[in-house]
Amino acid sequence: MLLKDFMRSEDLSDAEMAEKIGDISEYGVRKLRFRTRGPSVRVAARIEEVTGGRVRSADLQPLTNRRAPAEAVS
């Protein structure tokens, strides 16, 4: 389950989730929720614990840019 889906199902704000995880900012949770960055091992383990295993570390991996690199113009 994605973090954003878990937070929506539990009606948790970024600040509330940050408080539950501990040692992460509201901004850090937002980055994880939108998958613009991945968590540290400690934060990933803590999220798995807080969510009762519903959000796993694999669910927290950042999205990659799916566009092909721009071609050089001669």
C-alpha atoms as a PDB file:
ATOM      1  CA  MET A   1       0.000   0.000   0.000  1.00  0.00           C
ATOM      2  CA  LEU A   2       1.287   3.463  -0.786  1.00  0.00           C
ATOM      3  CA  LEU A   3       1.877   5.869   2.085  1.00  0.00           C
ATOM      4  CA  LYS A   4      -0.584   8.395   0.641  1.00  0.00           C
ATOM      5  CA  ASP A   5      -3.299   5.714   0.529  1.00  0.00           C
ATOM      6  CA  PHE A   6      -2.610   4.672   4.117  1.00  0.00           C
ATOM      7  CA  MET A   7      -2.699   8.279   5.310  1.00  0.00           C
ATOM      8  CA  ARG A   8      -5.946   8.893   3.443  1.00  0.00           C
ATOM      9  CA  SER A   9      -7.561   5.761   4.931  1.00  0.00           C
ATOM     10  CA  GLU A  10      -6.515   6.797   8.444  1.00  0.00           C
ATOM     11  CA  ASP A  11      -7.302  10.501   7.842  1.00  0.00           C
ATOM     12  CA  LEU A  12      -3.765  11.561   8.813  1.00  0.00           C
ATOM     13  CA  SER A  13      -2.100  14.831   7.862  1.00  0.00           C
ATOM     14  CA  ASP A  14       1.599  15.090   7.063  1.00  0.00           C
ATOM     15  CA  ALA A  15       2.209  16.576  10.505  1.00  0.00           C
ATOM     16  CA  GLU A  16       0.310  13.777  12.264  1.00  0.00           C
ATOM     17  CA  MET A  17       2.186  11.105  10.325  1.00  0.00           C
ATOM     18  CA  ALA A  18       5.518  12.801  11.076  1.00  0.00           C
ATOM     19  CA  GLU A  19       4.651  12.727  14.788  1.00  0.00           C
ATOM     20  CA  LYS A  20       3.791   9.010  14.626  1.00  0.00           C
ATOM     21  CA  ILE A  21       7.025   8.162  12.781  1.00  0.00           C
ATOM     22  CA  GLY A  22       9.237  10.410  14.892  1.00  0.00           C
ATOM     23  CA  ASP A  23      12.445  12.186  13.883  1.00  0.00           C
ATOM     24  CA  ILE A  24      11.074  13.272  10.492  1.00  0.00           C
ATOM     25  CA  SER A  25       9.574  16.595   9.487  1.00  0.00           C
ATOM     26  CA  GLU A  26       6.179  17.268   7.973  1.00  0.00           C
ATOM     27  CA  TYR A  27       8.046  18.208   4.787  1.00  0.00           C
ATOM     28  CA  GLY A  28       9.900  14.878   4.869  1.00  0.00           C
ATOM     29  CA  VAL A  29       6.618  12.983   5.083  1.00  0.00           C
ATOM     30  CA  ARG A  30       5.258  14.998   2.141  1.00  0.00           C
ATOM     31  CA  LYS A  31       8.318  14.014   0.066  1.00  0.00           C
ATOM     32  CA  LEU A  32       7.744  10.343   0.947  1.00  0.00           C
ATOM     33  CA  ARG A  33       3.999  10.578   0.312  1.00  0.00           C
ATOM     34  CA  PHE A  34       4.521  11.962  -3.207  1.00  0.00           C
ATOM     35  CA  ARG A  35       7.487   9.604  -3.734  1.00  0.00           C
ATOM     36  CA  THR A  36       9.948  12.337  -4.673  1.00  0.00           C
ATOM     37  CA  ARG A  37      12.528  10.816  -2.325  1.00  0.00           C
ATOM     38  CA  GLY A  38      13.036   7.521  -0.556  1.00  0.00           C
ATOM     39  CA  PRO A  39      13.317   7.006   3.197  1.00  0.00           C
ATOM     40  CA  SER A  40      16.313   6.044   5.280  1.00  0.00           C
ATOM     41  CA  VAL A  41      16.365   2.448   6.463  1.00  0.00           C
ATOM     42  CA  ARG A  42      15.349   3.597   9.960  1.00  0.00           C
ATOM     43  CA  VAL A  43      12.405   5.667   8.695  1.00  0.00           C
ATOM     44  CA  ALA A  44      11.248   2.856   6.386  1.00  0.00           C
ATOM     45  CA  ALA A  45      11.291   0.407   9.317  1.00  0.00           C
ATOM     46  CA  ARG A  46       9.439   2.889  11.498  1.00  0.00           C
ATOM     47  CA  ILE A  47       6.743   3.446   8.822  1.00  0.00           C
ATOM     48  CA  GLU A  48       6.278  -0.296   8.468  1.00  0.00           C
ATOM     49  CA  GLU A  49       5.890  -0.547  12.252  1.00  0.00           C
ATOM     50  CA  VAL A  50       3.492   2.422  12.520  1.00  0.00           C
ATOM     51  CA  THR A  51       1.309   1.126   9.683  1.00  0.00           C
ATOM     52  CA  GLY A  52       1.195  -2.433  10.974  1.00  0.00           C
ATOM     53  CA  GLY A  53       3.044  -3.652   7.886  1.00  0.00           C
ATOM     54  CA  ARG A  54       0.527  -2.181   5.455  1.00  0.00           C
ATOM     55  CA  VAL A  55       3.175   0.176   3.986  1.00  0.00           C
ATOM     56  CA  ARG A  56       6.409  -1.661   3.205  1.00  0.00           C
ATOM     57  CA  SER A  57       9.781  -0.228   2.236  1.00  0.00           C
ATOM     58  CA  ALA A  58       9.189  -1.254  -1.405  1.00  0.00           C
ATOM     59  CA  ASP A  59       6.070   0.956  -1.371  1.00  0.00           C
ATOM     60  CA  LEU A  60       8.204   3.956  -0.409  1.00  0.00           C
ATOM     61  CA  GLN A  61      10.647   3.902  -3.299  1.00  0.00           C
ATOM     62  CA  PRO A  62      10.794   7.172  -5.246  1.00  0.00           C
ATOM     63  CA  LEU A  63       9.315   7.394  -8.704  1.00  0.00           C
ATOM     64  CA  THR A  64      11.857   7.624 -11.489  1.00  0.00           C
ATOM     65  CA  ASN A  65      11.676   9.995 -14.398  1.00  0.00           C
ATOM     66  CA  ARG A  66      10.081   7.916 -17.128  1.00  0.00           C
ATOM     67  CA  ARG A  67      10.924  10.280 -19.979  1.00  0.00           C
ATOM     68  CA  ALA A  68      13.671   9.402 -22.396  1.00  0.00           C
ATOM     69  CA  PRO A  69      16.662  11.749 -22.312  1.00  0.00           C
ATOM     70  CA  ALA A  70      16.459  14.647 -24.748  1.00  0.00           C
ATOM     71  CA  GLU A  71      18.185  14.005 -28.035  1.00  0.00           C
ATOM     72  CA  ALA A  72      21.070  16.256 -28.945  1.00  0.00           C
ATOM     73  CA  VAL A  73      20.264  18.700 -31.716  1.00  0.00           C
ATOM     74  CA  SER A  74      23.015  19.203 -34.306  1.00  0.00           C
END
